[in-house]
Amino acid sequence: MTVKEIAYKLEEMQIESEKVNSLQNTLFEAIYRGDNAPEIYEWAFIVLGNLTFALANDLDKLTKAAFDNFWKAGDLNV
C-alpha cells in the first residue's frame, strides 16, 4: 500500500469514525435522556457494533501496511 493510498484510507476512516461517534451520541441521548425502552434500539446497537468492528479491522490493516512500508523502505528506526 502506498503512502497516498494510506492517506486516502485514513480520510475514509475519519469519516467512518465521525459516523460512529454521531450514532453513539444519538443512542445515548435517546436512551438516557428520552422516555423510550432500550430494547427498541437493538438494531442501532448492532449497526454500531458492525461499524466499530469494521473500523478496528481497517485500522489493523492500515497499521500493518504502514509498517510494511517502513520496513521496505529500509527505515529500521520505527
C-alpha atoms as a PDB file:
ATOM      1  CA  MET A   1       0.000   0.000   0.000  1.00  0.00           C
ATOM      2  CA  THR A   2       1.451   3.355  -0.989  1.00  0.00           C
ATOM      3  CA  VAL A   3       1.607   6.387   1.261  1.00  0.00           C
ATOM      4  CA  LYS A   4      -1.040   8.014  -0.955  1.00  0.00           C
ATOM      5  CA  GLU A   5      -3.350   5.010  -0.537  1.00  0.00           C
ATOM      6  CA  ILE A   6      -2.793   5.083   3.216  1.00  0.00           C
ATOM      7  CA  ALA A   7      -3.665   8.790   3.325  1.00  0.00           C
ATOM      8  CA  TYR A   8      -6.922   8.250   1.410  1.00  0.00           C
ATOM      9  CA  LYS A   9      -7.809   5.283   3.604  1.00  0.00           C
ATOM     10  CA  LEU A  10      -7.198   7.391   6.708  1.00  0.00           C
ATOM     11  CA  GLU A  11      -9.537  10.025   5.321  1.00  0.00           C
ATOM     12  CA  GLU A  12     -12.251   7.391   4.748  1.00  0.00           C
ATOM     13  CA  MET A  13     -11.744   6.062   8.253  1.00  0.00           C
ATOM     14  CA  GLN A  14     -12.018   9.542   9.738  1.00  0.00           C
ATOM     15  CA  ILE A  15     -15.445   9.914   8.116  1.00  0.00           C
ATOM     16  CA  GLU A  16     -16.476   6.488   9.428  1.00  0.00           C
ATOM     17  CA  SER A  17     -15.328   7.388  12.933  1.00  0.00           C
ATOM     18  CA  GLU A  18     -17.446  10.553  12.802  1.00  0.00           C
ATOM     19  CA  LYS A  19     -20.462   8.407  11.843  1.00  0.00           C
ATOM     20  CA  VAL A  20     -19.789   6.049  14.754  1.00  0.00           C
ATOM     21  CA  ASN A  21     -19.453   8.968  17.158  1.00  0.00           C
ATOM     22  CA  SER A  22     -22.684  10.536  15.924  1.00  0.00           C
ATOM     23  CA  LEU A  23     -24.573   7.251  16.255  1.00  0.00           C
ATOM     24  CA  GLN A  24     -23.231   6.708  19.766  1.00  0.00           C
ATOM     25  CA  ASN A  25     -24.231  10.223  20.823  1.00  0.00           C
ATOM     26  CA  THR A  26     -27.707   9.755  19.360  1.00  0.00           C
ATOM     27  CA  LEU A  27     -28.194   6.451  21.163  1.00  0.00           C
ATOM     28  CA  PHE A  28     -27.007   7.923  24.429  1.00  0.00           C
ATOM     29  CA  GLU A  29     -29.400  10.874  24.157  1.00  0.00           C
ATOM     30  CA  ALA A  30     -32.321   8.668  23.125  1.00  0.00           C
ATOM     31  CA  ILE A  31     -31.848   6.089  25.859  1.00  0.00           C
ATOM     32  CA  TYR A  32     -30.651   8.112  28.819  1.00  0.00           C
ATOM     33  CA  ARG A  33     -32.449  11.376  28.148  1.00  0.00           C
ATOM     34  CA  GLY A  34     -35.560  10.019  26.454  1.00  0.00           C
ATOM     35  CA  ASP A  35     -38.541   8.023  27.662  1.00  0.00           C
ATOM     36  CA  ASN A  36     -38.043   5.013  25.388  1.00  0.00           C
ATOM     37  CA  ALA A  37     -37.156   1.480  26.370  1.00  0.00           C
ATOM     38  CA  PRO A  38     -33.608   0.473  25.354  1.00  0.00           C
ATOM     39  CA  GLU A  39     -34.918  -2.620  23.547  1.00  0.00           C
ATOM     40  CA  ILE A  40     -36.234  -0.552  20.650  1.00  0.00           C
ATOM     41  CA  TYR A  41     -32.649   0.459  19.860  1.00  0.00           C
ATOM     42  CA  GLU A  42     -31.392  -3.097  19.404  1.00  0.00           C
ATOM     43  CA  TRP A  43     -30.686  -2.730  15.680  1.00  0.00           C
ATOM     44  CA  ALA A  44     -28.969   0.589  16.221  1.00  0.00           C
ATOM     45  CA  PHE A  45     -26.577  -1.136  18.625  1.00  0.00           C
ATOM     46  CA  ILE A  46     -25.985  -3.877  16.057  1.00  0.00           C
ATOM     47  CA  VAL A  47     -25.111  -1.225  13.462  1.00  0.00           C
ATOM     48  CA  LEU A  48     -22.829   0.497  15.978  1.00  0.00           C
ATOM     49  CA  GLY A  49     -21.085  -2.808  16.655  1.00  0.00           C
ATOM     50  CA  ASN A  50     -20.670  -3.513  12.946  1.00  0.00           C
ATOM     51  CA  LEU A  51     -19.233  -0.051  12.315  1.00  0.00           C
ATOM     52  CA  THR A  52     -16.750  -0.250  15.183  1.00  0.00           C
ATOM     53  CA  PHE A  53     -15.694  -3.790  14.213  1.00  0.00           C
ATOM     54  CA  ALA A  54     -15.097  -2.723  10.597  1.00  0.00           C
ATOM     55  CA  LEU A  55     -13.211   0.370  11.718  1.00  0.00           C
ATOM     56  CA  ALA A  56     -10.979  -1.698  14.011  1.00  0.00           C
ATOM     57  CA  ASN A  57     -10.228  -4.150  11.196  1.00  0.00           C
ATOM     58  CA  ASP A  58      -9.410  -1.324   8.793  1.00  0.00           C
ATOM     59  CA  LEU A  59      -7.103   0.261  11.374  1.00  0.00           C
ATOM     60  CA  ASP A  60      -5.318  -3.062  11.844  1.00  0.00           C
ATOM     61  CA  LYS A  61      -4.773  -3.480   8.086  1.00  0.00           C
ATOM     62  CA  LEU A  62      -3.650   0.118   7.703  1.00  0.00           C
ATOM     63  CA  THR A  63      -1.197  -0.159  10.580  1.00  0.00           C
ATOM     64  CA  LYS A  64       0.309  -3.308   9.091  1.00  0.00           C
ATOM     65  CA  ALA A  65       0.567  -1.648   5.662  1.00  0.00           C
ATOM     66  CA  ALA A  66       2.283   1.409   7.131  1.00  0.00           C
ATOM     67  CA  PHE A  67       4.847  -0.713   8.974  1.00  0.00           C
ATOM     68  CA  ASP A  68       5.401  -2.822   5.855  1.00  0.00           C
ATOM     69  CA  ASN A  69       6.221   0.399   4.001  1.00  0.00           C
ATOM     70  CA  PHE A  70       8.727   1.378   6.697  1.00  0.00           C
ATOM     71  CA  TRP A  71      10.460  -1.988   6.502  1.00  0.00           C
ATOM     72  CA  LYS A  72      10.515  -1.998   2.689  1.00  0.00           C
ATOM     73  CA  ALA A  73      11.999   1.494   2.681  1.00  0.00           C
ATOM     74  CA  GLY A  74      14.745   0.270   4.988  1.00  0.00           C
ATOM     75  CA  ASP A  75      13.690   2.588   7.799  1.00  0.00           C
ATOM     76  CA  LEU A  76      14.606   0.493  10.807  1.00  0.00           C
ATOM     77  CA  ASN A  77      14.041   3.397  13.229  1.00  0.00           C
ATOM     78  CA  VAL A  78      10.324   2.678  13.527  1.00  0.00           C
END
